[in-house]
Amino acid sequence: MKRRPYCSMSCAGKARRGVRHYGWKGGVTQKMCAFPGCENKLTRKQVLRGDQLCSQVCMGMANRGAGHPRWRGGVLPKMCELDGCGNMLTRDRVRAGRKFCSQRCSFKGQVTWSGKDHPNWKGGEYLNGRRIYVLGRGMQRVSRLVMEEKLGRRLTSDEIVHHINMNPMDDSPENLFLFPSRSEHTRFHNKQRREVA
């Protein structure tokens, strides 16, 4: 009887694995996952298939951003422009062209433009109907400013500046007359209407 070199078929199978197997054709060398930081080995099937990554997790991590096969440039991360904030802007805010991470930072970081510093400054005069306003202490009628300069003091809220020639566009000092109250100004105009009628 022929003596067998192995005690069982399982021992024979184990002994004939790899290089010792009679059907050996070079075999599959072990490969490590190509994702940086991953130390897993690829399975035999993955190596034969030509895979570079060990799992779906590594594939998902590698295909993010610039590594994705359909990457078109994407949105680069951006910091909030408010000094001392340090927060990152969300992807939507970066796409919208925003400079600040939130509405609160936006309010804190806004440059307040007023007067001559404003890009739409047109000299500070404003025509409303038949009256000229100028930017001073808020929007003020030019006639009141001329009268204040003529008297050398500020006018009270009760005092009314009257145009003698009835042309509200003519704000020369000779054309202006000051009434101490609105009631006296109204009484004057009512008296004029009665005389004309």
N, C-alpha and C. Protein backbone atom coordinates (compact mmCIF):
# COMPACT_ATOMS: atom_id res chain seq x y z
N MET A 1 0.83 -1.18 0.00
CA MET A 1 0.00 0.00 0.00
C MET A 1 0.88 1.26 0.00
N LYS A 2 0.44 2.23 -0.81
CA LYS A 2 1.20 3.46 -0.97
C LYS A 2 1.02 4.34 0.26
N ARG A 3 2.13 4.84 0.78
CA ARG A 3 2.06 5.68 1.98
C ARG A 3 1.75 7.10 1.58
N ARG A 4 0.77 7.71 2.23
CA ARG A 4 0.38 9.09 1.96
C ARG A 4 1.22 10.04 2.80
N PRO A 5 1.60 11.17 2.18
CA PRO A 5 2.43 12.11 2.95
C PRO A 5 1.65 12.92 4.00
N TYR A 6 0.32 12.99 3.88
CA TYR A 6 -0.50 13.78 4.82
C TYR A 6 -1.53 12.91 5.50
N CYS A 7 -1.88 13.25 6.71
CA CYS A 7 -2.82 12.44 7.47
C CYS A 7 -4.25 12.58 6.98
N SER A 8 -4.58 13.71 6.40
CA SER A 8 -5.95 13.93 5.94
C SER A 8 -5.95 14.88 4.73
N MET A 9 -7.14 15.00 4.12
CA MET A 9 -7.28 15.88 2.97
C MET A 9 -7.14 17.36 3.35
N SER A 10 -7.58 17.68 4.58
CA SER A 10 -7.47 19.08 5.02
C SER A 10 -6.01 19.48 5.18
N CYS A 11 -5.19 18.56 5.72
CA CYS A 11 -3.76 18.86 5.85
C CYS A 11 -3.10 18.96 4.47
N ALA A 12 -3.55 18.13 3.55
CA ALA A 12 -3.00 18.17 2.19
C ALA A 12 -3.37 19.49 1.51
N GLY A 13 -4.63 19.94 1.73
CA GLY A 13 -5.07 21.22 1.15
C GLY A 13 -4.29 22.39 1.70
N LYS A 14 -4.06 22.36 3.03
CA LYS A 14 -3.30 23.44 3.67
C LYS A 14 -1.86 23.47 3.16
N ALA A 15 -1.29 22.27 2.96
CA ALA A 15 0.10 22.20 2.52
C ALA A 15 0.27 22.63 1.08
N ARG A 16 -0.78 22.47 0.27
CA ARG A 16 -0.67 22.81 -1.15
C ARG A 16 -1.13 24.23 -1.49
N ARG A 17 -1.27 25.06 -0.50
CA ARG A 17 -1.67 26.44 -0.76
C ARG A 17 -0.47 27.25 -1.24
N GLY A 18 -0.79 28.31 -2.01
CA GLY A 18 0.24 29.24 -2.44
C GLY A 18 1.22 28.62 -3.42
N VAL A 19 2.50 28.82 -3.16
CA VAL A 19 3.55 28.41 -4.10
C VAL A 19 3.60 26.90 -4.26
N ARG A 20 3.24 26.13 -3.22
CA ARG A 20 3.33 24.67 -3.26
C ARG A 20 2.22 24.02 -4.08
N HIS A 21 1.18 24.81 -4.39
CA HIS A 21 0.05 24.23 -5.13
C HIS A 21 0.49 23.91 -6.57
N TYR A 22 0.05 22.79 -7.11
CA TYR A 22 0.46 22.38 -8.45
C TYR A 22 -0.12 23.27 -9.55
N GLY A 23 -1.22 24.05 -9.26
CA GLY A 23 -1.81 24.95 -10.25
C GLY A 23 -1.38 26.41 -10.06
N TRP A 24 -0.25 26.61 -9.34
CA TRP A 24 0.21 27.96 -8.99
C TRP A 24 0.59 28.75 -10.24
N LYS A 25 0.06 29.99 -10.40
CA LYS A 25 0.34 30.83 -11.57
C LYS A 25 0.90 32.20 -11.16
N GLY A 26 1.54 32.26 -10.08
CA GLY A 26 2.12 33.54 -9.64
C GLY A 26 1.42 34.12 -8.44
N GLY A 27 0.10 33.88 -8.31
CA GLY A 27 -0.66 34.31 -7.14
C GLY A 27 -0.94 35.80 -7.06
N VAL A 28 -1.58 36.16 -5.98
CA VAL A 28 -1.97 37.56 -5.74
C VAL A 28 -1.20 38.06 -4.54
N THR A 29 -0.43 39.14 -4.76
CA THR A 29 0.31 39.72 -3.63
C THR A 29 -0.62 40.62 -2.83
N GLN A 30 -0.39 40.64 -1.54
CA GLN A 30 -1.24 41.47 -0.68
C GLN A 30 -0.96 42.94 -0.91
N LYS A 31 -2.04 43.74 -0.87
CA LYS A 31 -1.93 45.19 -1.06
C LYS A 31 -2.58 45.91 0.10
N MET A 32 -2.04 47.08 0.41
CA MET A 32 -2.61 47.93 1.45
C MET A 32 -3.59 48.92 0.80
N CYS A 33 -4.53 49.40 1.58
CA CYS A 33 -5.49 50.41 1.12
C CYS A 33 -4.73 51.69 0.75
N ALA A 34 -5.10 52.29 -0.38
CA ALA A 34 -4.38 53.47 -0.89
C ALA A 34 -4.77 54.77 -0.20
N PHE A 35 -5.86 54.77 0.62
CA PHE A 35 -6.29 56.00 1.28
C PHE A 35 -5.30 56.36 2.38
N PRO A 36 -4.81 57.60 2.42
CA PRO A 36 -3.83 57.98 3.45
C PRO A 36 -4.41 57.84 4.85
N GLY A 37 -3.67 57.19 5.70
CA GLY A 37 -4.10 57.00 7.09
C GLY A 37 -4.80 55.67 7.34
N CYS A 38 -5.24 54.97 6.30
CA CYS A 38 -5.90 53.67 6.47
C CYS A 38 -4.84 52.57 6.42
N GLU A 39 -4.87 51.66 7.39
CA GLU A 39 -3.86 50.59 7.46
C GLU A 39 -4.46 49.23 7.16
N ASN A 40 -5.64 49.17 6.57
CA ASN A 40 -6.28 47.88 6.23
C ASN A 40 -5.67 47.29 4.96
N LYS A 41 -5.74 45.93 4.87
CA LYS A 41 -5.29 45.25 3.67
C LYS A 41 -6.49 44.97 2.78
N LEU A 42 -6.25 44.95 1.48
CA LEU A 42 -7.31 44.61 0.53
C LEU A 42 -7.52 43.11 0.51
N THR A 43 -8.76 42.68 0.29
CA THR A 43 -9.04 41.25 0.17
C THR A 43 -8.53 40.75 -1.17
N ARG A 44 -8.41 39.41 -1.31
CA ARG A 44 -7.93 38.81 -2.56
C ARG A 44 -8.81 39.22 -3.73
N LYS A 45 -10.12 39.22 -3.48
CA LYS A 45 -11.08 39.59 -4.53
C LYS A 45 -10.88 41.04 -4.97
N GLN A 46 -10.66 41.93 -4.00
CA GLN A 46 -10.44 43.35 -4.31
C GLN A 46 -9.16 43.55 -5.11
N VAL A 47 -8.11 42.77 -4.77
CA VAL A 47 -6.85 42.88 -5.49
C VAL A 47 -7.02 42.41 -6.93
N LEU A 48 -7.73 41.27 -7.11
CA LEU A 48 -7.96 40.74 -8.45
C LEU A 48 -8.81 41.70 -9.30
N ARG A 49 -9.76 42.39 -8.63
CA ARG A 49 -10.63 43.34 -9.33
C ARG A 49 -9.89 44.63 -9.69
N GLY A 50 -8.77 44.87 -9.05
CA GLY A 50 -8.00 46.09 -9.31
C GLY A 50 -8.39 47.25 -8.42
N ASP A 51 -9.09 46.98 -7.31
CA ASP A 51 -9.48 48.05 -6.38
C ASP A 51 -8.25 48.65 -5.69
N GLN A 52 -8.36 49.90 -5.34
CA GLN A 52 -7.27 50.60 -4.64
C GLN A 52 -7.62 50.84 -3.17
N LEU A 53 -8.94 50.86 -2.86
CA LEU A 53 -9.41 51.20 -1.51
C LEU A 53 -10.10 49.99 -0.89
N CYS A 54 -10.01 49.89 0.44
CA CYS A 54 -10.47 48.70 1.13
C CYS A 54 -11.98 48.64 1.36
N SER A 55 -12.67 49.79 1.47
CA SER A 55 -14.09 49.78 1.84
C SER A 55 -14.82 50.98 1.24
N GLN A 56 -16.15 50.98 1.41
CA GLN A 56 -16.99 52.10 0.95
C GLN A 56 -16.66 53.37 1.73
N VAL A 57 -16.28 53.20 2.99
CA VAL A 57 -15.95 54.37 3.83
C VAL A 57 -14.73 55.08 3.25
N CYS A 58 -13.68 54.31 2.95
CA CYS A 58 -12.46 54.91 2.38
C CYS A 58 -12.75 55.49 0.99
N MET A 59 -13.61 54.84 0.23
CA MET A 59 -13.97 55.32 -1.10
C MET A 59 -14.69 56.65 -1.01
N GLY A 60 -15.63 56.75 -0.06
CA GLY A 60 -16.38 57.99 0.14
C GLY A 60 -15.48 59.13 0.57
N MET A 61 -14.52 58.82 1.47
CA MET A 61 -13.58 59.85 1.96
C MET A 61 -12.66 60.31 0.83
N ALA A 62 -12.20 59.36 0.00
CA ALA A 62 -11.27 59.70 -1.08
C ALA A 62 -11.96 60.46 -2.21
N ASN A 63 -13.28 60.23 -2.41
CA ASN A 63 -14.01 60.86 -3.51
C ASN A 63 -14.62 62.20 -3.14
N ARG A 64 -14.28 62.74 -1.98
CA ARG A 64 -14.80 64.05 -1.60
C ARG A 64 -13.95 65.14 -2.22
N GLY A 65 -14.61 66.26 -2.51
CA GLY A 65 -13.89 67.45 -2.98
C GLY A 65 -13.13 67.21 -4.26
N ALA A 66 -11.85 67.58 -4.26
CA ALA A 66 -11.03 67.52 -5.47
C ALA A 66 -10.77 66.08 -5.92
N GLY A 67 -10.93 65.11 -5.02
CA GLY A 67 -10.71 63.71 -5.37
C GLY A 67 -11.87 63.08 -6.13
N HIS A 68 -13.01 63.76 -6.16
CA HIS A 68 -14.19 63.20 -6.84
C HIS A 68 -13.98 63.24 -8.36
N PRO A 69 -14.39 62.16 -9.07
CA PRO A 69 -14.17 62.13 -10.52
C PRO A 69 -14.90 63.24 -11.28
N ARG A 70 -16.03 63.76 -10.72
CA ARG A 70 -16.77 64.83 -11.40
C ARG A 70 -16.58 66.19 -10.73
N TRP A 71 -15.43 66.39 -10.11
CA TRP A 71 -15.11 67.65 -9.43
C TRP A 71 -15.02 68.79 -10.44
N ARG A 72 -15.72 69.91 -10.17
CA ARG A 72 -15.72 71.06 -11.08
C ARG A 72 -15.18 72.32 -10.43
N GLY A 73 -14.38 72.17 -9.44
CA GLY A 73 -13.80 73.34 -8.79
C GLY A 73 -14.32 73.54 -7.38
N GLY A 74 -15.63 73.35 -7.19
CA GLY A 74 -16.23 73.39 -5.87
C GLY A 74 -16.14 74.73 -5.15
N VAL A 75 -16.52 74.73 -3.87
CA VAL A 75 -16.53 75.92 -3.04
C VAL A 75 -15.42 75.79 -2.01
N LEU A 76 -14.50 76.73 -2.04
CA LEU A 76 -13.40 76.70 -1.08
C LEU A 76 -13.86 77.27 0.25
N PRO A 77 -13.39 76.71 1.36
CA PRO A 77 -13.80 77.22 2.67
C PRO A 77 -13.32 78.66 2.85
N LYS A 78 -14.09 79.44 3.62
CA LYS A 78 -13.79 80.86 3.80
C LYS A 78 -14.05 81.25 5.24
N MET A 79 -13.21 82.12 5.77
CA MET A 79 -13.36 82.61 7.14
C MET A 79 -14.23 83.87 7.16
N CYS A 80 -14.90 84.09 8.28
CA CYS A 80 -15.69 85.31 8.48
C CYS A 80 -14.74 86.50 8.49
N GLU A 81 -15.11 87.60 7.83
CA GLU A 81 -14.23 88.76 7.70
C GLU A 81 -14.27 89.70 8.90
N LEU A 82 -15.14 89.42 9.89
CA LEU A 82 -15.18 90.26 11.08
C LEU A 82 -13.98 89.93 11.97
N ASP A 83 -13.25 90.95 12.40
CA ASP A 83 -12.08 90.73 13.25
C ASP A 83 -12.50 90.09 14.57
N GLY A 84 -11.82 89.01 14.92
CA GLY A 84 -12.06 88.34 16.19
C GLY A 84 -13.16 87.29 16.15
N CYS A 85 -13.83 87.07 15.02
CA CYS A 85 -14.91 86.08 14.95
C CYS A 85 -14.32 84.67 14.83
N GLY A 86 -13.58 84.41 13.76
CA GLY A 86 -12.90 83.11 13.59
C GLY A 86 -13.79 81.98 13.09
N ASN A 87 -15.07 82.21 12.84
CA ASN A 87 -15.96 81.15 12.34
C ASN A 87 -15.80 80.98 10.84
N MET A 88 -16.12 79.76 10.37
CA MET A 88 -16.10 79.48 8.93
C MET A 88 -17.49 79.77 8.37
N LEU A 89 -17.54 80.23 7.12
CA LEU A 89 -18.81 80.47 6.45
C LEU A 89 -19.37 79.14 5.95
N THR A 90 -20.70 79.01 5.94
CA THR A 90 -21.32 77.80 5.40
C THR A 90 -21.16 77.81 3.88
N ARG A 91 -21.31 76.63 3.27
CA ARG A 91 -21.15 76.51 1.83
C ARG A 91 -22.11 77.42 1.08
N ASP A 92 -23.36 77.52 1.60
CA ASP A 92 -24.37 78.37 0.94
C ASP A 92 -23.98 79.84 1.00
N ARG A 93 -23.42 80.28 2.14
CA ARG A 93 -23.04 81.68 2.28
C ARG A 93 -21.84 82.01 1.37
N VAL A 94 -20.94 81.04 1.20
CA VAL A 94 -19.79 81.25 0.31
C VAL A 94 -20.27 81.35 -1.13
N ARG A 95 -21.20 80.45 -1.52
CA ARG A 95 -21.74 80.47 -2.88
C ARG A 95 -22.48 81.78 -3.16
N ALA A 96 -23.16 82.33 -2.14
CA ALA A 96 -23.92 83.58 -2.31
C ALA A 96 -23.00 84.81 -2.32
N GLY A 97 -21.72 84.61 -2.03
CA GLY A 97 -20.77 85.73 -2.06
C GLY A 97 -20.77 86.55 -0.79
N ARG A 98 -21.26 85.97 0.33
CA ARG A 98 -21.30 86.69 1.60
C ARG A 98 -19.90 86.81 2.20
N LYS A 99 -19.71 87.79 3.07
CA LYS A 99 -18.42 88.01 3.70
C LYS A 99 -18.42 87.61 5.17
N PHE A 100 -19.63 87.53 5.77
CA PHE A 100 -19.73 87.27 7.20
C PHE A 100 -20.48 85.96 7.46
N CYS A 101 -20.18 85.33 8.61
CA CYS A 101 -20.74 84.01 8.92
C CYS A 101 -22.20 84.08 9.37
N SER A 102 -22.64 85.22 9.90
CA SER A 102 -24.01 85.34 10.39
C SER A 102 -24.50 86.78 10.23
N GLN A 103 -25.79 86.98 10.52
CA GLN A 103 -26.36 88.33 10.41
C GLN A 103 -25.78 89.24 11.49
N ARG A 104 -25.50 88.68 12.66
CA ARG A 104 -24.93 89.46 13.76
C ARG A 104 -23.55 90.01 13.36
N CYS A 105 -22.71 89.13 12.76
CA CYS A 105 -21.38 89.58 12.30
C CYS A 105 -21.52 90.59 11.17
N SER A 106 -22.53 90.39 10.33
CA SER A 106 -22.76 91.30 9.21
C SER A 106 -23.08 92.70 9.72
N PHE A 107 -23.93 92.80 10.76
CA PHE A 107 -24.27 94.10 11.33
C PHE A 107 -23.07 94.75 12.00
N LYS A 108 -22.26 93.93 12.70
CA LYS A 108 -21.08 94.47 13.38
C LYS A 108 -20.03 94.94 12.38
N GLY A 109 -19.92 94.25 11.26
CA GLY A 109 -18.88 94.54 10.30
C GLY A 109 -19.25 95.53 9.21
N GLN A 110 -20.49 96.00 9.21
CA GLN A 110 -20.92 96.93 8.16
C GLN A 110 -20.27 98.29 8.33
N VAL A 111 -19.85 98.86 7.22
CA VAL A 111 -19.33 100.23 7.24
C VAL A 111 -20.52 101.15 7.03
N THR A 112 -20.72 102.07 7.96
CA THR A 112 -21.86 102.98 7.82
C THR A 112 -21.43 104.17 6.99
N TRP A 113 -22.06 104.30 5.85
CA TRP A 113 -21.77 105.41 4.94
C TRP A 113 -22.82 106.48 5.14
N SER A 114 -22.39 107.69 5.32
CA SER A 114 -23.34 108.79 5.41
C SER A 114 -22.66 110.05 4.89
N GLY A 115 -23.49 110.92 4.36
CA GLY A 115 -22.98 112.20 3.87
C GLY A 115 -22.03 112.05 2.71
N LYS A 116 -20.91 112.78 2.75
CA LYS A 116 -19.97 112.80 1.63
C LYS A 116 -19.27 111.47 1.42
N ASP A 117 -19.23 110.61 2.44
CA ASP A 117 -18.57 109.30 2.32
C ASP A 117 -19.40 108.29 1.54
N HIS A 118 -20.70 108.55 1.40
CA HIS A 118 -21.59 107.60 0.71
C HIS A 118 -21.31 107.61 -0.79
N PRO A 119 -21.28 106.40 -1.44
CA PRO A 119 -20.97 106.37 -2.87
C PRO A 119 -22.02 107.05 -3.75
N ASN A 120 -23.25 107.22 -3.26
CA ASN A 120 -24.31 107.87 -4.04
C ASN A 120 -24.48 109.35 -3.70
N TRP A 121 -23.48 109.96 -3.07
CA TRP A 121 -23.55 111.36 -2.66
C TRP A 121 -23.71 112.27 -3.87
N LYS A 122 -24.70 113.15 -3.84
CA LYS A 122 -24.97 114.05 -4.97
C LYS A 122 -24.96 115.52 -4.52
N GLY A 123 -24.16 115.82 -3.51
CA GLY A 123 -24.02 117.21 -3.09
C GLY A 123 -24.82 117.58 -1.87
N GLY A 124 -25.76 116.76 -1.46
CA GLY A 124 -26.51 117.00 -0.24
C GLY A 124 -27.79 117.79 -0.39
N GLU A 125 -28.12 118.25 -1.60
CA GLU A 125 -29.38 118.98 -1.82
C GLU A 125 -30.42 118.02 -2.38
N TYR A 126 -31.67 118.27 -1.96
CA TYR A 126 -32.75 117.37 -2.33
C TYR A 126 -34.00 118.21 -2.59
N LEU A 127 -34.61 118.02 -3.75
CA LEU A 127 -35.80 118.79 -4.12
C LEU A 127 -37.04 117.94 -3.87
N ASN A 128 -37.92 118.42 -2.99
CA ASN A 128 -39.16 117.70 -2.69
C ASN A 128 -40.32 118.62 -3.05
N GLY A 129 -40.96 118.34 -4.18
CA GLY A 129 -42.03 119.23 -4.63
C GLY A 129 -41.45 120.56 -5.03
N ARG A 130 -41.80 121.62 -4.26
CA ARG A 130 -41.30 122.96 -4.57
C ARG A 130 -40.38 123.49 -3.48
N ARG A 131 -39.89 122.61 -2.62
CA ARG A 131 -39.02 123.03 -1.54
C ARG A 131 -37.65 122.36 -1.68
N ILE A 132 -36.58 123.11 -1.38
CA ILE A 132 -35.23 122.56 -1.43
C ILE A 132 -34.81 122.19 -0.01
N TYR A 133 -34.34 120.96 0.14
CA TYR A 133 -33.83 120.49 1.42
C TYR A 133 -32.33 120.28 1.29
N VAL A 134 -31.63 120.42 2.40
CA VAL A 134 -30.19 120.19 2.41
C VAL A 134 -29.87 119.30 3.61
N LEU A 135 -28.82 118.50 3.43
CA LEU A 135 -28.42 117.58 4.49
C LEU A 135 -27.59 118.35 5.51
N GLY A 136 -28.14 118.54 6.69
CA GLY A 136 -27.43 119.24 7.77
C GLY A 136 -27.67 118.45 9.03
N ARG A 137 -28.53 118.99 9.90
CA ARG A 137 -28.99 118.22 11.07
C ARG A 137 -30.18 117.41 10.59
N GLY A 138 -29.91 116.34 9.88
CA GLY A 138 -30.98 115.61 9.19
C GLY A 138 -31.27 116.36 7.90
N MET A 139 -32.45 116.16 7.30
CA MET A 139 -32.82 116.90 6.09
C MET A 139 -33.55 118.17 6.54
N GLN A 140 -33.02 119.33 6.18
CA GLN A 140 -33.61 120.61 6.58
C GLN A 140 -33.88 121.48 5.36
N ARG A 141 -34.92 122.31 5.47
CA ARG A 141 -35.20 123.25 4.39
C ARG A 141 -34.11 124.31 4.35
N VAL A 142 -33.71 124.66 3.14
CA VAL A 142 -32.66 125.67 2.95
C VAL A 142 -33.12 127.01 3.50
N SER A 143 -34.41 127.31 3.35
CA SER A 143 -34.94 128.60 3.82
C SER A 143 -34.72 128.75 5.33
N ARG A 144 -34.90 127.69 6.10
CA ARG A 144 -34.70 127.75 7.55
C ARG A 144 -33.22 127.97 7.89
N LEU A 145 -32.34 127.30 7.13
CA LEU A 145 -30.90 127.46 7.38
C LEU A 145 -30.44 128.89 7.06
N VAL A 146 -30.97 129.45 5.98
CA VAL A 146 -30.62 130.84 5.61
C VAL A 146 -31.10 131.81 6.68
N MET A 147 -32.32 131.59 7.19
CA MET A 147 -32.88 132.46 8.23
C MET A 147 -32.07 132.34 9.53
N GLU A 148 -31.65 131.13 9.87
CA GLU A 148 -30.83 130.93 11.08
C GLU A 148 -29.51 131.69 10.95
N GLU A 149 -28.93 131.65 9.76
CA GLU A 149 -27.67 132.36 9.52
C GLU A 149 -27.89 133.88 9.61
N LYS A 150 -29.02 134.34 9.09
CA LYS A 150 -29.35 135.78 9.11
C LYS A 150 -29.55 136.28 10.54
N LEU A 151 -30.27 135.50 11.37
CA LEU A 151 -30.54 135.90 12.76
C LEU A 151 -29.39 135.60 13.70
N GLY A 152 -28.56 134.62 13.34
CA GLY A 152 -27.44 134.24 14.20
C GLY A 152 -27.84 133.31 15.32
N ARG A 153 -28.96 132.62 15.19
CA ARG A 153 -29.42 131.66 16.22
C ARG A 153 -30.22 130.55 15.54
N ARG A 154 -30.48 129.48 16.29
CA ARG A 154 -31.30 128.39 15.74
C ARG A 154 -32.78 128.73 15.89
N LEU A 155 -33.57 128.33 14.92
CA LEU A 155 -35.01 128.58 14.98
C LEU A 155 -35.68 127.53 15.86
N THR A 156 -36.76 127.93 16.51
CA THR A 156 -37.54 126.97 17.29
C THR A 156 -38.47 126.21 16.34
N SER A 157 -39.03 125.14 16.82
CA SER A 157 -39.92 124.32 15.97
C SER A 157 -41.22 125.06 15.63
N ASP A 158 -41.62 126.05 16.47
CA ASP A 158 -42.87 126.81 16.22
C ASP A 158 -42.69 127.86 15.13
N GLU A 159 -41.49 128.39 14.97
CA GLU A 159 -41.25 129.49 14.04
C GLU A 159 -41.34 129.01 12.59
N ILE A 160 -42.00 129.82 11.74
CA ILE A 160 -42.22 129.48 10.32
C ILE A 160 -41.55 130.53 9.44
N VAL A 161 -40.79 130.05 8.43
CA VAL A 161 -40.14 130.95 7.48
C VAL A 161 -41.08 131.13 6.29
N HIS A 162 -41.38 132.39 5.98
CA HIS A 162 -42.31 132.73 4.88
C HIS A 162 -41.53 133.33 3.72
N HIS A 163 -41.88 132.93 2.48
CA HIS A 163 -41.28 133.50 1.26
C HIS A 163 -42.14 134.69 0.81
N ILE A 164 -41.57 135.87 0.78
CA ILE A 164 -42.31 137.10 0.49
C ILE A 164 -42.87 137.10 -0.93
N ASN A 165 -42.07 136.67 -1.93
CA ASN A 165 -42.55 136.68 -3.31
C ASN A 165 -43.33 135.41 -3.69
N MET A 166 -43.66 134.59 -2.70
CA MET A 166 -44.45 133.35 -2.86
C MET A 166 -43.75 132.28 -3.72
N ASN A 167 -42.44 132.44 -3.93
CA ASN A 167 -41.68 131.43 -4.68
C ASN A 167 -40.82 130.65 -3.69
N PRO A 168 -41.21 129.40 -3.36
CA PRO A 168 -40.45 128.63 -2.36
C PRO A 168 -39.06 128.21 -2.82
N MET A 169 -38.76 128.40 -4.13
CA MET A 169 -37.43 128.05 -4.64
C MET A 169 -36.44 129.19 -4.43
N ASP A 170 -36.94 130.40 -4.15
CA ASP A 170 -36.09 131.57 -3.95
C ASP A 170 -35.79 131.71 -2.46
N ASP A 171 -34.58 131.26 -2.06
CA ASP A 171 -34.22 131.27 -0.64
C ASP A 171 -33.21 132.37 -0.30
N SER A 172 -33.28 133.49 -1.02
CA SER A 172 -32.37 134.60 -0.71
C SER A 172 -32.83 135.27 0.59
N PRO A 173 -31.89 135.79 1.40
CA PRO A 173 -32.26 136.38 2.71
C PRO A 173 -33.27 137.52 2.60
N GLU A 174 -33.26 138.30 1.50
CA GLU A 174 -34.20 139.42 1.35
C GLU A 174 -35.63 138.94 1.11
N ASN A 175 -35.76 137.72 0.63
CA ASN A 175 -37.08 137.16 0.29
C ASN A 175 -37.72 136.43 1.47
N LEU A 176 -37.02 136.32 2.58
CA LEU A 176 -37.53 135.53 3.71
C LEU A 176 -38.02 136.42 4.85
N PHE A 177 -39.14 135.97 5.47
CA PHE A 177 -39.71 136.67 6.62
C PHE A 177 -40.06 135.62 7.66
N LEU A 178 -39.81 135.91 8.93
CA LEU A 178 -40.02 134.93 9.99
C LEU A 178 -41.31 135.23 10.76
N PHE A 179 -42.19 134.21 10.84
CA PHE A 179 -43.40 134.29 11.68
C PHE A 179 -43.14 133.54 12.96
N PRO A 180 -43.56 134.10 14.12
CA PRO A 180 -43.28 133.45 15.40
C PRO A 180 -44.05 132.14 15.61
N SER A 181 -45.19 131.97 14.90
CA SER A 181 -45.94 130.72 15.08
C SER A 181 -46.66 130.35 13.79
N ARG A 182 -47.10 129.11 13.71
CA ARG A 182 -47.82 128.62 12.53
C ARG A 182 -49.18 129.33 12.39
N SER A 183 -49.82 129.64 13.53
CA SER A 183 -51.14 130.29 13.49
C SER A 183 -51.04 131.70 12.86
N GLU A 184 -49.99 132.43 13.20
CA GLU A 184 -49.81 133.77 12.62
C GLU A 184 -49.54 133.69 11.11
N HIS A 185 -48.79 132.66 10.69
CA HIS A 185 -48.50 132.47 9.27
C HIS A 185 -49.79 132.14 8.52
N THR A 186 -50.63 131.30 9.11
CA THR A 186 -51.92 130.93 8.49
C THR A 186 -52.84 132.15 8.43
N ARG A 187 -52.88 132.96 9.51
CA ARG A 187 -53.71 134.18 9.55
C ARG A 187 -53.31 135.15 8.44
N PHE A 188 -51.97 135.27 8.22
CA PHE A 188 -51.47 136.15 7.16
C PHE A 188 -51.96 135.70 5.79
N HIS A 189 -51.86 134.38 5.52
CA HIS A 189 -52.29 133.85 4.21
C HIS A 189 -53.81 133.98 4.03
N ASN A 190 -54.57 133.76 5.09
CA ASN A 190 -56.04 133.91 5.01
C ASN A 190 -56.42 135.36 4.69
N LYS A 191 -55.71 136.32 5.33
CA LYS A 191 -55.98 137.73 5.09
C LYS A 191 -55.68 138.10 3.61
N GLN A 192 -54.57 137.53 3.07
CA GLN A 192 -54.21 137.78 1.67
C GLN A 192 -55.28 137.24 0.71
N ARG A 193 -55.82 136.05 1.03
CA ARG A 193 -56.85 135.45 0.16
C ARG A 193 -58.14 136.30 0.14
N ARG A 194 -58.49 136.84 1.32
CA ARG A 194 -59.70 137.67 1.42
C ARG A 194 -59.55 138.95 0.60
N GLU A 195 -58.32 139.50 0.63
CA GLU A 195 -58.08 140.74 -0.11
C GLU A 195 -58.12 140.51 -1.61
N VAL A 196 -57.65 139.35 -2.09
CA VAL A 196 -57.64 139.03 -3.53
C VAL A 196 -59.06 138.76 -4.01
N ALA A 197 -59.87 138.08 -3.18
CA ALA A 197 -61.24 137.70 -3.60
C ALA A 197 -62.21 138.83 -3.64
